[in-house]
Amino acid sequence: MFQNLQIDQELPDIQAVNFQPIEKDYRKLLLIIWSVFAAIAMIGLIILIISKLEALPGLAIVISFVVWSVLFFGLLLYILLSFPRRQYAVREKDISYSSGLVFHSTTTVPFSRIQHIEIGEGALERLFKMATINIYTAGDNGRDLKIKGLTKINAEKIKEFITQSIQDASV
């Protein structure tokens, strides 16, 4: 007969894990990317307003700039406030990533489930010597864990540690 008894022991606390913060240079990178995007959006808005100046009432122009400003500063504030919550931890048998301000999540991937690890660098990431580590597990969900904002050296060390741990466990 099937049984599924409750565990009487105390479960480990994931909050007790010593999470490492994402590199501070990544915050600069996020702010640069967002500022460039916002500048392009502002230029587009100005061009649109100039081309339709006669057709747009003054209130529509003011509302457009107010909406753009609220969105820009809201996202800027979100980046600044959520950044300290981006943390990762590499343990003996798993890797965890914690992030989010409004919607906080912590993802833990055991090494035994990992199928593939990639290190990616965008053009701006290369300028800051930053990298993203993508960890794939068995299943059809694709990438299961993505940690942005690591130094390239640290990302390579993590990849090597996980790869070595998986090889040692399979022997």
Protein backbone atom coordinates (compact mmCIF):
# COMPACT_ATOMS: atom_id res chain seq x y z
CA MET A 1 0.00 0.00 0.00
CA PHE A 2 1.29 3.49 -0.92
CA GLN A 3 2.23 5.83 1.93
CA ASN A 4 3.41 9.39 1.91
CA LEU A 5 4.26 10.25 5.48
CA GLN A 6 5.04 13.73 6.71
CA ILE A 7 8.69 14.51 7.47
CA ASP A 8 9.24 15.11 11.19
CA GLN A 9 12.66 16.66 10.83
CA GLU A 10 13.33 20.36 10.40
CA LEU A 11 13.87 21.32 6.76
CA PRO A 12 16.93 23.40 5.79
CA ASP A 13 16.31 27.12 5.44
CA ILE A 14 17.21 28.46 1.99
CA GLN A 15 17.53 31.93 3.57
CA ALA A 16 20.43 30.59 5.63
CA VAL A 17 22.40 30.20 2.41
CA ASN A 18 25.15 32.78 1.99
CA PHE A 19 24.00 34.47 -1.24
CA GLN A 20 26.56 36.47 -3.22
CA PRO A 21 25.51 39.79 -4.77
CA ILE A 22 25.63 40.40 -8.49
CA GLU A 23 28.53 42.63 -9.59
CA LYS A 24 27.87 46.36 -9.07
CA ASP A 25 29.13 47.11 -12.57
CA TYR A 26 26.06 45.27 -13.85
CA ARG A 27 23.86 47.98 -12.32
CA LYS A 28 25.82 50.55 -14.35
CA LEU A 29 25.28 48.42 -17.45
CA LEU A 30 21.52 48.21 -16.79
CA LEU A 31 21.33 51.97 -16.28
CA ILE A 32 23.25 52.64 -19.50
CA ILE A 33 21.03 50.27 -21.49
CA TRP A 34 17.86 51.77 -20.05
CA SER A 35 19.09 55.35 -20.59
CA VAL A 36 19.93 54.65 -24.24
CA PHE A 37 16.52 53.04 -24.76
CA ALA A 38 14.79 55.96 -23.02
CA ALA A 39 16.73 58.51 -25.10
CA ILE A 40 15.71 56.75 -28.31
CA ALA A 41 12.09 56.64 -27.13
CA MET A 42 12.22 60.34 -26.25
CA ILE A 43 13.66 61.23 -29.66
CA GLY A 44 10.91 59.18 -31.30
CA LEU A 45 8.28 60.94 -29.20
CA ILE A 46 9.69 64.36 -30.11
CA ILE A 47 9.77 63.48 -33.83
CA LEU A 48 6.18 62.21 -33.62
CA ILE A 49 5.02 65.37 -31.85
CA ILE A 50 6.84 67.68 -34.30
CA SER A 51 5.42 65.86 -37.31
CA LYS A 52 1.86 66.04 -35.92
CA LEU A 53 2.18 69.38 -34.11
CA GLU A 54 -0.83 71.01 -35.77
CA ALA A 55 -3.07 67.99 -35.14
CA LEU A 56 -2.15 67.43 -31.48
CA PRO A 57 -3.67 69.58 -28.75
CA GLY A 58 -1.26 70.98 -26.16
CA LEU A 59 -2.70 68.71 -23.46
CA ALA A 60 -1.84 65.57 -25.48
CA ILE A 61 1.77 66.73 -25.77
CA VAL A 62 2.00 67.37 -22.03
CA ILE A 63 0.38 64.01 -21.22
CA SER A 64 2.83 62.26 -23.57
CA PHE A 65 5.84 63.73 -21.79
CA VAL A 66 4.37 63.05 -18.34
CA VAL A 67 3.67 59.39 -19.23
CA TRP A 68 7.17 59.00 -20.69
CA SER A 69 8.74 60.60 -17.60
CA VAL A 70 6.75 58.43 -15.17
CA LEU A 71 7.69 55.27 -17.10
CA PHE A 72 11.37 56.28 -17.33
CA PHE A 73 11.77 57.20 -13.68
CA GLY A 74 9.61 54.29 -12.52
CA LEU A 75 11.80 51.76 -14.29
CA LEU A 76 14.94 53.56 -13.17
CA LEU A 77 13.71 53.37 -9.56
CA TYR A 78 12.81 49.69 -10.02
CA ILE A 79 16.31 48.89 -11.32
CA LEU A 80 17.94 50.67 -8.39
CA LEU A 81 15.69 49.13 -5.73
CA SER A 82 15.60 45.58 -7.12
CA PHE A 83 19.31 45.33 -7.85
CA PRO A 84 20.40 44.40 -4.29
CA ARG A 85 17.93 41.49 -4.39
CA ARG A 86 19.75 39.85 -7.32
CA GLN A 87 21.92 37.24 -5.64
CA TYR A 88 23.28 33.79 -6.30
CA ALA A 89 24.76 30.95 -4.28
CA VAL A 90 26.82 27.98 -5.41
CA ARG A 91 26.78 25.08 -2.97
CA GLU A 92 28.22 21.57 -3.10
CA LYS A 93 25.29 20.06 -4.98
CA ASP A 94 23.23 22.94 -6.36
CA ILE A 95 23.12 26.55 -7.51
CA SER A 96 20.49 29.10 -6.45
CA TYR A 97 19.47 32.49 -7.80
CA SER A 98 17.26 34.98 -5.99
CA SER A 99 15.76 38.11 -7.55
CA GLY A 100 12.77 40.40 -7.70
CA LEU A 101 11.39 43.36 -5.83
CA VAL A 102 7.63 43.11 -6.22
CA PHE A 103 7.58 39.47 -7.26
CA HIS A 104 10.49 37.81 -5.46
CA SER A 105 11.64 34.35 -6.53
CA THR A 106 14.41 31.96 -5.65
CA THR A 107 15.33 29.21 -8.09
CA THR A 108 17.55 26.30 -7.07
CA VAL A 109 18.89 23.83 -9.62
CA PRO A 110 20.56 20.63 -8.39
CA PHE A 111 23.70 19.72 -10.34
CA SER A 112 22.28 16.25 -10.98
CA ARG A 113 19.57 17.80 -13.22
CA ILE A 114 21.89 20.00 -15.29
CA GLN A 115 22.28 19.01 -18.93
CA HIS A 116 24.17 21.97 -20.35
CA ILE A 117 25.80 25.24 -19.26
CA GLU A 118 26.51 28.25 -21.48
CA ILE A 119 28.29 31.52 -20.85
CA GLY A 120 27.01 34.41 -22.94
CA GLU A 121 28.31 37.92 -23.48
CA GLY A 122 26.56 40.74 -25.26
CA ALA A 123 28.46 43.61 -26.85
CA LEU A 124 27.96 45.91 -23.87
CA GLU A 125 28.64 43.09 -21.41
CA ARG A 126 32.05 42.59 -23.04
CA LEU A 127 32.89 46.26 -22.47
CA PHE A 128 32.25 45.77 -18.75
CA LYS A 129 33.90 42.30 -18.70
CA MET A 130 30.55 40.83 -17.64
CA ALA A 131 28.83 37.60 -18.63
CA THR A 132 25.60 35.68 -18.24
CA ILE A 133 25.54 32.03 -17.23
CA ASN A 134 22.67 29.98 -18.68
CA ILE A 135 21.95 26.63 -17.05
CA TYR A 136 19.75 24.09 -18.82
CA THR A 137 18.17 21.08 -17.17
CA ALA A 138 16.34 18.03 -18.47
CA GLY A 139 12.89 18.87 -19.76
CA ASP A 140 11.31 21.00 -22.43
CA ASN A 141 11.25 24.33 -20.62
CA GLY A 142 14.53 25.43 -22.16
CA ARG A 143 16.83 27.47 -19.97
CA ASP A 144 16.02 26.88 -16.32
CA LEU A 145 18.37 29.33 -14.69
CA LYS A 146 19.92 32.51 -16.05
CA ILE A 147 22.25 34.61 -13.92
CA LYS A 148 23.19 37.94 -15.44
CA GLY A 149 25.76 40.32 -14.03
CA LEU A 150 28.64 38.00 -13.25
CA THR A 151 32.21 38.85 -14.12
CA LYS A 152 33.41 36.74 -17.03
CA ILE A 153 36.04 35.11 -14.79
CA ASN A 154 33.49 34.27 -12.11
CA ALA A 155 31.04 32.84 -14.66
CA GLU A 156 33.79 30.60 -16.02
CA LYS A 157 34.74 29.48 -12.50
CA ILE A 158 31.12 28.60 -11.72
CA LYS A 159 30.78 26.70 -14.99
CA GLU A 160 34.00 24.78 -14.32
CA PHE A 161 32.97 23.97 -10.73
CA ILE A 162 29.56 22.67 -11.80
CA THR A 163 31.02 20.68 -14.69
CA GLN A 164 33.63 19.12 -12.42
CA SER A 165 31.01 18.32 -9.76
CA ILE A 166 28.80 16.61 -12.33
CA GLN A 167 31.76 14.58 -13.66
CA ASP A 168 32.83 13.56 -10.12
CA ALA A 169 29.27 12.45 -9.29
CA SER A 170 29.02 10.31 -12.43
CA VAL A 171 32.23 8.38 -11.66
